[in-house]
Amino acid sequence: MKRDLSNNIEIPEEVQVSIVGNGINIKGKFGENKRKFNTQKLEMKKEGNYIMIGAKKATKKEKKMINTITAHIKNMIHGVKEGFEYKLKICFSHFPITIDIDKEKKQAFVKNFLGEKVPRKLNLLDGADIEINGQDIIIKSHDKEIAGQMAANFEKATRIPLKDRRIFQDGIFITSKAGEAL
């Protein structure tokens, strides 16, 4: 059954929002998030202190799109208002792992992983701040997707294929993501 659907997202006072076509720009104290959405049959507009996303005679597909875009915008608002923080733990049993960050080349190097002579490289993403405190890595960003991808890149760089994870427990692991402990 087709009916009119809409979601309203409240805009906090310290956040500025501008909607241009199918794109949205959100500015706050932690930075700025920009994103374009595929809003062919959807209507997205700012009314006072709210962002209204709706569709007339919406089907299941439009309902899914409305809810997805609403979730993305809420994450963007949370990111520029408070930021996202991922925590990782460096675990090793015999060979001590060290992490070096080269901000000029935008690369990180995982050295001495399982006693390897050649360091493992991973590229750093723009918009992510990385802090290393002993065996802890803290990734902060105003964009949830950038912070999550950086944490996943660190975890993937120390993945050991074709080995039993119960025996080979060395690596870098995500311990908390976006404020939730794992």
N, C-alpha and C. Protein backbone atom coordinates (compact mmCIF):
# COMPACT_ATOMS: atom_id res chain seq x y z
N MET A 1 0.83 -1.17 0.00
CA MET A 1 0.00 0.00 0.00
C MET A 1 0.88 1.25 0.00
N LYS A 2 0.62 2.15 -0.90
CA LYS A 2 1.42 3.37 -1.00
C LYS A 2 0.82 4.46 -0.11
N ARG A 3 1.73 5.15 0.61
CA ARG A 3 1.30 6.25 1.47
C ARG A 3 2.44 7.26 1.59
N ASP A 4 2.11 8.41 2.13
CA ASP A 4 3.12 9.44 2.31
C ASP A 4 3.94 9.14 3.56
N LEU A 5 5.27 9.12 3.41
CA LEU A 5 6.17 8.85 4.53
C LEU A 5 7.13 10.02 4.69
N SER A 6 7.52 10.29 5.94
CA SER A 6 8.53 11.32 6.18
C SER A 6 9.19 11.08 7.53
N ASN A 7 10.45 11.46 7.62
CA ASN A 7 11.22 11.43 8.86
C ASN A 7 11.74 12.83 9.13
N ASN A 8 11.71 13.23 10.37
CA ASN A 8 12.25 14.53 10.77
C ASN A 8 13.44 14.31 11.68
N ILE A 9 14.54 15.01 11.38
CA ILE A 9 15.75 14.93 12.19
C ILE A 9 15.97 16.30 12.81
N GLU A 10 16.10 16.33 14.13
CA GLU A 10 16.32 17.60 14.82
C GLU A 10 17.78 18.03 14.67
N ILE A 11 17.98 19.30 14.39
CA ILE A 11 19.32 19.86 14.25
C ILE A 11 19.70 20.53 15.56
N PRO A 12 20.80 20.12 16.21
CA PRO A 12 21.24 20.79 17.44
C PRO A 12 21.66 22.24 17.15
N GLU A 13 21.70 23.05 18.20
CA GLU A 13 22.00 24.48 18.04
C GLU A 13 23.41 24.73 17.53
N GLU A 14 24.39 23.92 17.96
CA GLU A 14 25.78 24.17 17.59
C GLU A 14 26.16 23.59 16.23
N VAL A 15 25.18 23.07 15.49
CA VAL A 15 25.43 22.45 14.19
C VAL A 15 24.74 23.27 13.11
N GLN A 16 25.47 23.50 12.00
CA GLN A 16 24.91 24.23 10.86
C GLN A 16 24.70 23.26 9.71
N VAL A 17 23.54 23.32 9.08
CA VAL A 17 23.19 22.40 8.00
C VAL A 17 22.79 23.20 6.78
N SER A 18 23.29 22.78 5.61
CA SER A 18 22.83 23.35 4.35
C SER A 18 22.59 22.21 3.37
N ILE A 19 21.46 22.30 2.67
CA ILE A 19 21.09 21.27 1.70
C ILE A 19 21.11 21.91 0.32
N VAL A 20 21.89 21.31 -0.60
CA VAL A 20 21.98 21.79 -1.97
C VAL A 20 21.67 20.62 -2.88
N GLY A 21 20.52 20.64 -3.52
CA GLY A 21 20.11 19.54 -4.40
C GLY A 21 19.96 18.25 -3.61
N ASN A 22 20.73 17.23 -4.00
CA ASN A 22 20.68 15.96 -3.26
C ASN A 22 21.89 15.81 -2.33
N GLY A 23 22.62 16.89 -2.09
CA GLY A 23 23.77 16.87 -1.18
C GLY A 23 23.46 17.61 0.11
N ILE A 24 24.19 17.25 1.14
CA ILE A 24 24.01 17.90 2.44
C ILE A 24 25.38 18.21 3.03
N ASN A 25 25.52 19.41 3.59
CA ASN A 25 26.74 19.85 4.26
C ASN A 25 26.40 20.11 5.72
N ILE A 26 27.17 19.50 6.62
CA ILE A 26 26.94 19.67 8.05
C ILE A 26 28.24 20.15 8.68
N LYS A 27 28.18 21.28 9.39
CA LYS A 27 29.35 21.86 10.04
C LYS A 27 29.14 21.90 11.54
N GLY A 28 30.21 21.59 12.27
CA GLY A 28 30.16 21.64 13.73
C GLY A 28 31.54 21.95 14.27
N LYS A 29 31.71 21.79 15.58
CA LYS A 29 32.99 22.16 16.19
C LYS A 29 34.10 21.16 15.87
N PHE A 30 33.78 19.93 15.45
CA PHE A 30 34.81 18.94 15.13
C PHE A 30 35.15 18.88 13.64
N GLY A 31 34.44 19.62 12.81
CA GLY A 31 34.75 19.59 11.39
C GLY A 31 33.51 19.72 10.54
N GLU A 32 33.65 19.30 9.29
CA GLU A 32 32.57 19.42 8.33
C GLU A 32 32.41 18.10 7.59
N ASN A 33 31.17 17.66 7.45
CA ASN A 33 30.84 16.46 6.69
C ASN A 33 30.01 16.84 5.48
N LYS A 34 30.39 16.31 4.32
CA LYS A 34 29.63 16.53 3.09
C LYS A 34 29.27 15.17 2.52
N ARG A 35 28.07 15.08 1.97
CA ARG A 35 27.66 13.81 1.38
C ARG A 35 26.55 14.06 0.38
N LYS A 36 26.58 13.28 -0.70
CA LYS A 36 25.50 13.31 -1.68
C LYS A 36 24.73 12.00 -1.58
N PHE A 37 23.41 12.11 -1.66
CA PHE A 37 22.55 10.95 -1.58
C PHE A 37 21.81 10.77 -2.89
N ASN A 38 21.43 9.52 -3.17
CA ASN A 38 20.62 9.21 -4.34
C ASN A 38 19.16 9.42 -3.95
N THR A 39 18.66 10.61 -4.19
CA THR A 39 17.30 10.95 -3.77
C THR A 39 16.42 11.20 -4.99
N GLN A 40 16.25 10.18 -5.82
CA GLN A 40 15.47 10.36 -7.03
C GLN A 40 14.00 10.63 -6.72
N LYS A 41 13.40 9.78 -5.90
CA LYS A 41 11.97 9.92 -5.60
C LYS A 41 11.73 10.49 -4.21
N LEU A 42 12.80 10.92 -3.56
CA LEU A 42 12.68 11.45 -2.21
C LEU A 42 12.80 12.96 -2.21
N GLU A 43 12.27 13.57 -1.17
CA GLU A 43 12.33 15.01 -1.01
C GLU A 43 13.08 15.30 0.29
N MET A 44 14.14 16.09 0.19
CA MET A 44 14.95 16.40 1.37
C MET A 44 15.04 17.92 1.48
N LYS A 45 14.58 18.45 2.64
CA LYS A 45 14.62 19.90 2.81
C LYS A 45 14.79 20.24 4.28
N LYS A 46 15.23 21.48 4.51
CA LYS A 46 15.42 21.98 5.87
C LYS A 46 14.26 22.90 6.21
N GLU A 47 13.59 22.58 7.31
CA GLU A 47 12.47 23.40 7.76
C GLU A 47 12.72 23.82 9.20
N GLY A 48 13.14 25.05 9.38
CA GLY A 48 13.40 25.56 10.72
C GLY A 48 14.57 24.83 11.37
N ASN A 49 14.29 24.12 12.45
CA ASN A 49 15.31 23.40 13.21
C ASN A 49 15.30 21.91 12.90
N TYR A 50 14.71 21.53 11.77
CA TYR A 50 14.59 20.11 11.41
C TYR A 50 15.01 19.89 9.96
N ILE A 51 15.49 18.67 9.69
CA ILE A 51 15.70 18.20 8.33
C ILE A 51 14.57 17.24 8.04
N MET A 52 13.82 17.48 6.97
CA MET A 52 12.69 16.64 6.62
C MET A 52 13.05 15.81 5.39
N ILE A 53 12.91 14.49 5.53
CA ILE A 53 13.14 13.57 4.41
C ILE A 53 11.83 12.83 4.20
N GLY A 54 11.28 12.91 3.01
CA GLY A 54 9.98 12.28 2.79
C GLY A 54 9.77 11.89 1.35
N ALA A 55 8.68 11.17 1.13
CA ALA A 55 8.28 10.74 -0.21
C ALA A 55 6.77 10.62 -0.24
N LYS A 56 6.20 11.00 -1.36
CA LYS A 56 4.76 10.86 -1.54
C LYS A 56 4.50 9.53 -2.24
N LYS A 57 3.49 8.83 -1.79
CA LYS A 57 3.12 7.51 -2.31
C LYS A 57 4.34 6.59 -2.32
N ALA A 58 4.94 6.44 -1.15
CA ALA A 58 6.19 5.69 -1.01
C ALA A 58 5.93 4.19 -0.99
N THR A 59 6.84 3.46 -1.60
CA THR A 59 6.82 2.00 -1.56
C THR A 59 7.82 1.53 -0.50
N LYS A 60 8.01 0.21 -0.41
CA LYS A 60 8.98 -0.33 0.55
C LYS A 60 10.40 0.18 0.25
N LYS A 61 10.70 0.31 -1.03
CA LYS A 61 12.04 0.77 -1.42
C LYS A 61 12.29 2.19 -0.94
N GLU A 62 11.31 3.08 -1.11
CA GLU A 62 11.48 4.45 -0.63
C GLU A 62 11.57 4.50 0.89
N LYS A 63 10.82 3.64 1.58
CA LYS A 63 10.88 3.60 3.04
C LYS A 63 12.28 3.21 3.50
N LYS A 64 12.88 2.21 2.83
CA LYS A 64 14.24 1.80 3.16
C LYS A 64 15.23 2.95 2.93
N MET A 65 15.06 3.65 1.81
CA MET A 65 15.96 4.76 1.49
C MET A 65 15.82 5.89 2.52
N ILE A 66 14.59 6.20 2.92
CA ILE A 66 14.37 7.25 3.92
C ILE A 66 15.06 6.90 5.22
N ASN A 67 14.89 5.67 5.68
CA ASN A 67 15.50 5.26 6.95
C ASN A 67 17.03 5.22 6.86
N THR A 68 17.57 4.79 5.72
CA THR A 68 19.02 4.75 5.54
C THR A 68 19.61 6.16 5.55
N ILE A 69 19.01 7.06 4.80
CA ILE A 69 19.51 8.44 4.74
C ILE A 69 19.39 9.10 6.11
N THR A 70 18.30 8.81 6.84
CA THR A 70 18.13 9.35 8.19
C THR A 70 19.26 8.89 9.10
N ALA A 71 19.60 7.61 9.04
CA ALA A 71 20.69 7.09 9.88
C ALA A 71 22.02 7.73 9.51
N HIS A 72 22.30 7.91 8.21
CA HIS A 72 23.54 8.55 7.79
C HIS A 72 23.62 10.00 8.29
N ILE A 73 22.53 10.73 8.18
CA ILE A 73 22.54 12.13 8.61
C ILE A 73 22.71 12.22 10.13
N LYS A 74 22.08 11.33 10.89
CA LYS A 74 22.26 11.32 12.34
C LYS A 74 23.72 11.05 12.70
N ASN A 75 24.37 10.11 11.98
CA ASN A 75 25.79 9.84 12.22
C ASN A 75 26.65 11.06 11.88
N MET A 76 26.31 11.75 10.80
CA MET A 76 27.06 12.94 10.41
C MET A 76 26.93 14.03 11.47
N ILE A 77 25.72 14.23 11.99
CA ILE A 77 25.50 15.24 13.03
C ILE A 77 26.27 14.88 14.30
N HIS A 78 26.21 13.61 14.69
CA HIS A 78 26.93 13.15 15.88
C HIS A 78 28.44 13.34 15.70
N GLY A 79 28.93 13.09 14.49
CA GLY A 79 30.36 13.21 14.21
C GLY A 79 30.87 14.63 14.33
N VAL A 80 30.15 15.60 13.78
CA VAL A 80 30.62 16.99 13.86
C VAL A 80 30.35 17.59 15.23
N LYS A 81 29.43 17.00 15.98
CA LYS A 81 29.10 17.52 17.31
C LYS A 81 30.03 16.94 18.39
N GLU A 82 30.24 15.61 18.37
CA GLU A 82 31.03 14.95 19.41
C GLU A 82 32.23 14.18 18.87
N GLY A 83 32.20 13.75 17.63
CA GLY A 83 33.28 12.97 17.05
C GLY A 83 33.14 11.48 17.35
N PHE A 84 33.90 10.67 16.63
CA PHE A 84 33.91 9.23 16.82
C PHE A 84 35.30 8.79 17.23
N GLU A 85 35.36 7.78 18.10
CA GLU A 85 36.64 7.30 18.62
C GLU A 85 36.66 5.78 18.59
N TYR A 86 37.67 5.24 17.93
CA TYR A 86 37.89 3.80 17.88
C TYR A 86 39.16 3.49 18.66
N LYS A 87 39.13 2.43 19.47
CA LYS A 87 40.30 2.02 20.23
C LYS A 87 40.74 0.65 19.77
N LEU A 88 42.05 0.50 19.56
CA LEU A 88 42.63 -0.76 19.14
C LEU A 88 43.71 -1.16 20.14
N LYS A 89 43.98 -2.44 20.22
CA LYS A 89 44.98 -2.97 21.15
C LYS A 89 46.02 -3.75 20.34
N ILE A 90 47.29 -3.50 20.62
CA ILE A 90 48.38 -4.25 19.99
C ILE A 90 48.67 -5.45 20.88
N CYS A 91 48.51 -6.66 20.34
CA CYS A 91 48.73 -7.89 21.10
C CYS A 91 49.87 -8.68 20.47
N PHE A 92 50.79 -9.16 21.30
CA PHE A 92 51.88 -10.01 20.81
C PHE A 92 52.33 -10.90 21.95
N SER A 93 52.90 -12.05 21.57
CA SER A 93 53.37 -12.98 22.60
C SER A 93 54.89 -13.01 22.68
N HIS A 94 55.58 -12.94 21.55
CA HIS A 94 57.04 -13.06 21.56
C HIS A 94 57.73 -11.85 20.92
N PHE A 95 57.36 -11.55 19.68
CA PHE A 95 58.01 -10.45 18.96
C PHE A 95 57.25 -9.15 19.21
N PRO A 96 57.90 -8.16 19.83
CA PRO A 96 57.18 -6.91 20.13
C PRO A 96 56.90 -6.11 18.85
N ILE A 97 55.64 -5.78 18.66
CA ILE A 97 55.20 -5.03 17.49
C ILE A 97 55.34 -3.54 17.77
N THR A 98 55.88 -2.80 16.79
CA THR A 98 55.95 -1.35 16.90
C THR A 98 55.25 -0.73 15.70
N ILE A 99 54.66 0.43 15.92
CA ILE A 99 53.95 1.15 14.86
C ILE A 99 54.64 2.49 14.66
N ASP A 100 54.98 2.80 13.42
CA ASP A 100 55.53 4.10 13.06
C ASP A 100 54.58 4.77 12.08
N ILE A 101 54.35 6.05 12.28
CA ILE A 101 53.44 6.80 11.41
C ILE A 101 54.23 7.89 10.71
N ASP A 102 54.14 7.91 9.37
CA ASP A 102 54.76 8.95 8.55
C ASP A 102 53.63 9.82 8.01
N LYS A 103 53.42 10.99 8.64
CA LYS A 103 52.30 11.84 8.26
C LYS A 103 52.52 12.53 6.92
N GLU A 104 53.78 12.71 6.51
CA GLU A 104 54.06 13.35 5.22
C GLU A 104 53.65 12.44 4.07
N LYS A 105 53.98 11.15 4.17
CA LYS A 105 53.62 10.19 3.13
C LYS A 105 52.24 9.58 3.35
N LYS A 106 51.62 9.90 4.50
CA LYS A 106 50.31 9.37 4.87
C LYS A 106 50.33 7.84 4.90
N GLN A 107 51.33 7.28 5.59
CA GLN A 107 51.46 5.84 5.72
C GLN A 107 51.79 5.48 7.15
N ALA A 108 51.38 4.27 7.53
CA ALA A 108 51.76 3.70 8.82
C ALA A 108 52.50 2.41 8.55
N PHE A 109 53.47 2.10 9.40
CA PHE A 109 54.28 0.89 9.23
C PHE A 109 54.15 0.04 10.49
N VAL A 110 53.84 -1.23 10.30
CA VAL A 110 53.77 -2.19 11.40
C VAL A 110 55.07 -2.97 11.34
N LYS A 111 55.96 -2.74 12.32
CA LYS A 111 57.30 -3.34 12.30
C LYS A 111 57.38 -4.52 13.26
N ASN A 112 58.18 -5.51 12.88
CA ASN A 112 58.50 -6.68 13.70
C ASN A 112 57.28 -7.55 13.99
N PHE A 113 56.30 -7.55 13.10
CA PHE A 113 55.12 -8.40 13.28
C PHE A 113 55.51 -9.84 13.00
N LEU A 114 55.40 -10.70 14.00
CA LEU A 114 55.81 -12.11 13.93
C LEU A 114 57.28 -12.25 13.53
N GLY A 115 58.11 -11.25 13.83
CA GLY A 115 59.53 -11.30 13.52
C GLY A 115 59.85 -11.02 12.07
N GLU A 116 58.90 -10.48 11.32
CA GLU A 116 59.15 -10.20 9.90
C GLU A 116 60.15 -9.06 9.76
N LYS A 117 61.03 -9.18 8.77
CA LYS A 117 62.05 -8.16 8.53
C LYS A 117 61.49 -6.95 7.80
N VAL A 118 60.55 -7.18 6.87
CA VAL A 118 59.98 -6.10 6.08
C VAL A 118 58.71 -5.59 6.78
N PRO A 119 58.64 -4.29 7.06
CA PRO A 119 57.44 -3.79 7.74
C PRO A 119 56.21 -3.83 6.83
N ARG A 120 55.06 -4.04 7.44
CA ARG A 120 53.80 -4.00 6.70
C ARG A 120 53.33 -2.55 6.63
N LYS A 121 52.85 -2.15 5.43
CA LYS A 121 52.45 -0.76 5.21
C LYS A 121 50.93 -0.67 5.11
N LEU A 122 50.40 0.44 5.58
CA LEU A 122 49.00 0.75 5.33
C LEU A 122 48.85 2.24 5.15
N ASN A 123 47.94 2.62 4.27
CA ASN A 123 47.74 4.03 3.95
C ASN A 123 46.80 4.67 4.96
N LEU A 124 47.11 5.91 5.32
CA LEU A 124 46.26 6.66 6.24
C LEU A 124 45.24 7.46 5.44
N LEU A 125 44.06 7.59 5.99
CA LEU A 125 42.99 8.33 5.33
C LEU A 125 42.96 9.76 5.86
N ASP A 126 42.58 10.70 5.00
CA ASP A 126 42.44 12.10 5.42
C ASP A 126 41.26 12.22 6.38
N GLY A 127 41.44 13.02 7.40
CA GLY A 127 40.35 13.26 8.35
C GLY A 127 40.41 12.39 9.58
N ALA A 128 41.42 11.54 9.71
CA ALA A 128 41.54 10.67 10.89
C ALA A 128 42.78 11.08 11.68
N ASP A 129 42.62 11.23 12.99
CA ASP A 129 43.73 11.52 13.89
C ASP A 129 44.09 10.25 14.63
N ILE A 130 45.38 9.88 14.61
CA ILE A 130 45.82 8.63 15.22
C ILE A 130 46.78 8.94 16.36
N GLU A 131 46.51 8.35 17.52
CA GLU A 131 47.38 8.48 18.68
C GLU A 131 47.82 7.08 19.09
N ILE A 132 49.12 6.94 19.40
CA ILE A 132 49.64 5.66 19.87
C ILE A 132 50.18 5.86 21.28
N ASN A 133 49.60 5.15 22.24
CA ASN A 133 50.02 5.21 23.64
C ASN A 133 50.40 3.81 24.09
N GLY A 134 51.69 3.47 23.99
CA GLY A 134 52.13 2.14 24.39
C GLY A 134 51.52 1.07 23.50
N GLN A 135 50.64 0.24 24.07
CA GLN A 135 50.00 -0.84 23.33
C GLN A 135 48.60 -0.47 22.84
N ASP A 136 48.22 0.79 22.98
CA ASP A 136 46.89 1.22 22.57
C ASP A 136 46.99 2.18 21.38
N ILE A 137 46.06 2.03 20.45
CA ILE A 137 45.93 2.94 19.32
C ILE A 137 44.55 3.57 19.41
N ILE A 138 44.48 4.89 19.33
CA ILE A 138 43.20 5.60 19.38
C ILE A 138 43.04 6.36 18.06
N ILE A 139 41.93 6.10 17.37
CA ILE A 139 41.63 6.76 16.11
C ILE A 139 40.42 7.66 16.33
N LYS A 140 40.57 8.95 16.02
CA LYS A 140 39.48 9.91 16.19
C LYS A 140 39.19 10.56 14.84
N SER A 141 37.89 10.77 14.57
CA SER A 141 37.49 11.43 13.34
C SER A 141 36.09 11.99 13.49
N HIS A 142 35.76 12.95 12.64
CA HIS A 142 34.41 13.49 12.62
C HIS A 142 33.51 12.67 11.70
N ASP A 143 34.09 11.77 10.91
CA ASP A 143 33.34 10.92 9.99
C ASP A 143 33.44 9.48 10.48
N LYS A 144 32.31 8.86 10.75
CA LYS A 144 32.28 7.50 11.28
C LYS A 144 32.88 6.50 10.29
N GLU A 145 32.65 6.72 9.01
CA GLU A 145 33.15 5.79 8.00
C GLU A 145 34.68 5.85 7.89
N ILE A 146 35.25 7.03 8.00
CA ILE A 146 36.71 7.16 7.94
C ILE A 146 37.35 6.51 9.16
N ALA A 147 36.80 6.77 10.35
CA ALA A 147 37.36 6.19 11.58
C ALA A 147 37.25 4.67 11.54
N GLY A 148 36.12 4.15 11.12
CA GLY A 148 35.93 2.70 11.04
C GLY A 148 36.83 2.06 10.01
N GLN A 149 37.03 2.72 8.87
CA GLN A 149 37.90 2.16 7.84
C GLN A 149 39.35 2.16 8.27
N MET A 150 39.79 3.20 8.99
CA MET A 150 41.17 3.22 9.49
C MET A 150 41.39 2.09 10.49
N ALA A 151 40.43 1.87 11.39
CA ALA A 151 40.55 0.78 12.36
C ALA A 151 40.59 -0.57 11.64
N ALA A 152 39.76 -0.73 10.63
CA ALA A 152 39.74 -1.98 9.88
C ALA A 152 41.05 -2.18 9.11
N ASN A 153 41.65 -1.09 8.60
CA ASN A 153 42.92 -1.20 7.89
C ASN A 153 44.03 -1.68 8.82
N PHE A 154 44.06 -1.17 10.06
CA PHE A 154 45.06 -1.63 11.03
C PHE A 154 44.85 -3.10 11.35
N GLU A 155 43.60 -3.50 11.55
CA GLU A 155 43.31 -4.90 11.88
C GLU A 155 43.65 -5.82 10.70
N LYS A 156 43.34 -5.37 9.49
CA LYS A 156 43.61 -6.19 8.30
C LYS A 156 45.10 -6.31 8.01
N ALA A 157 45.87 -5.27 8.33
CA ALA A 157 47.31 -5.28 8.06
C ALA A 157 48.03 -6.37 8.85
N THR A 158 47.48 -6.75 10.00
CA THR A 158 48.12 -7.77 10.83
C THR A 158 47.36 -9.09 10.79
N ARG A 159 46.59 -9.31 9.75
CA ARG A 159 45.87 -10.57 9.60
C ARG A 159 46.85 -11.66 9.18
N ILE A 160 46.70 -12.85 9.75
CA ILE A 160 47.58 -13.96 9.42
C ILE A 160 46.76 -15.01 8.68
N PRO A 161 46.90 -15.10 7.36
CA PRO A 161 46.10 -16.08 6.62
C PRO A 161 46.66 -17.50 6.79
N LEU A 162 45.79 -18.46 6.69
CA LEU A 162 46.13 -19.89 6.69
C LEU A 162 46.83 -20.34 7.97
N LYS A 163 46.58 -19.66 9.07
CA LYS A 163 47.13 -20.07 10.37
C LYS A 163 45.97 -20.18 11.35
N ASP A 164 46.16 -20.99 12.36
CA ASP A 164 45.13 -21.18 13.38
C ASP A 164 45.13 -19.97 14.32
N ARG A 165 44.00 -19.24 14.38
CA ARG A 165 43.91 -18.04 15.21
C ARG A 165 44.01 -18.35 16.70
N ARG A 166 43.76 -19.58 17.09
CA ARG A 166 43.88 -19.95 18.50
C ARG A 166 45.34 -20.04 18.91
N ILE A 167 46.23 -20.33 17.97
CA ILE A 167 47.65 -20.45 18.25
C ILE A 167 48.36 -19.11 17.99
N PHE A 168 48.15 -18.55 16.78
CA PHE A 168 48.79 -17.30 16.38
C PHE A 168 47.87 -16.15 16.75
N GLN A 169 48.05 -15.63 17.96
CA GLN A 169 47.15 -14.59 18.47
C GLN A 169 47.73 -13.19 18.38
N ASP A 170 48.85 -13.04 17.69
CA ASP A 170 49.46 -11.72 17.54
C ASP A 170 48.64 -10.88 16.57
N GLY A 171 48.67 -9.57 16.76
CA GLY A 171 47.98 -8.68 15.84
C GLY A 171 47.48 -7.43 16.52
N ILE A 172 46.74 -6.65 15.75
CA ILE A 172 46.10 -5.44 16.25
C ILE A 172 44.60 -5.67 16.15
N PHE A 173 43.90 -5.46 17.26
CA PHE A 173 42.48 -5.79 17.32
C PHE A 173 41.67 -4.60 17.82
N ILE A 174 40.47 -4.43 17.27
CA ILE A 174 39.56 -3.37 17.70
C ILE A 174 38.95 -3.77 19.04
N THR A 175 39.09 -2.90 20.04
CA THR A 175 38.52 -3.20 21.36
C THR A 175 37.27 -2.37 21.64
N SER A 176 37.15 -1.20 21.02
CA SER A 176 35.95 -0.39 21.19
C SER A 176 35.75 0.44 19.94
N LYS A 177 34.51 0.47 19.47
CA LYS A 177 34.24 1.26 18.28
C LYS A 177 33.06 2.19 18.52
N ALA A 178 33.27 3.45 18.22
CA ALA A 178 32.26 4.50 18.38
C ALA A 178 31.64 4.49 19.76
N GLY A 179 32.46 4.27 20.79
CA GLY A 179 31.99 4.31 22.16
C GLY A 179 31.42 3.02 22.70
N GLU A 180 31.36 1.96 21.89
CA GLU A 180 30.82 0.68 22.33
C GLU A 180 31.96 -0.31 22.52
N ALA A 181 32.05 -0.91 23.70
CA ALA A 181 33.10 -1.90 23.97
C ALA A 181 32.73 -3.21 23.29
N LEU A 182 33.73 -3.88 22.77
CA LEU A 182 33.49 -5.17 22.10
C LEU A 182 33.93 -6.31 22.98
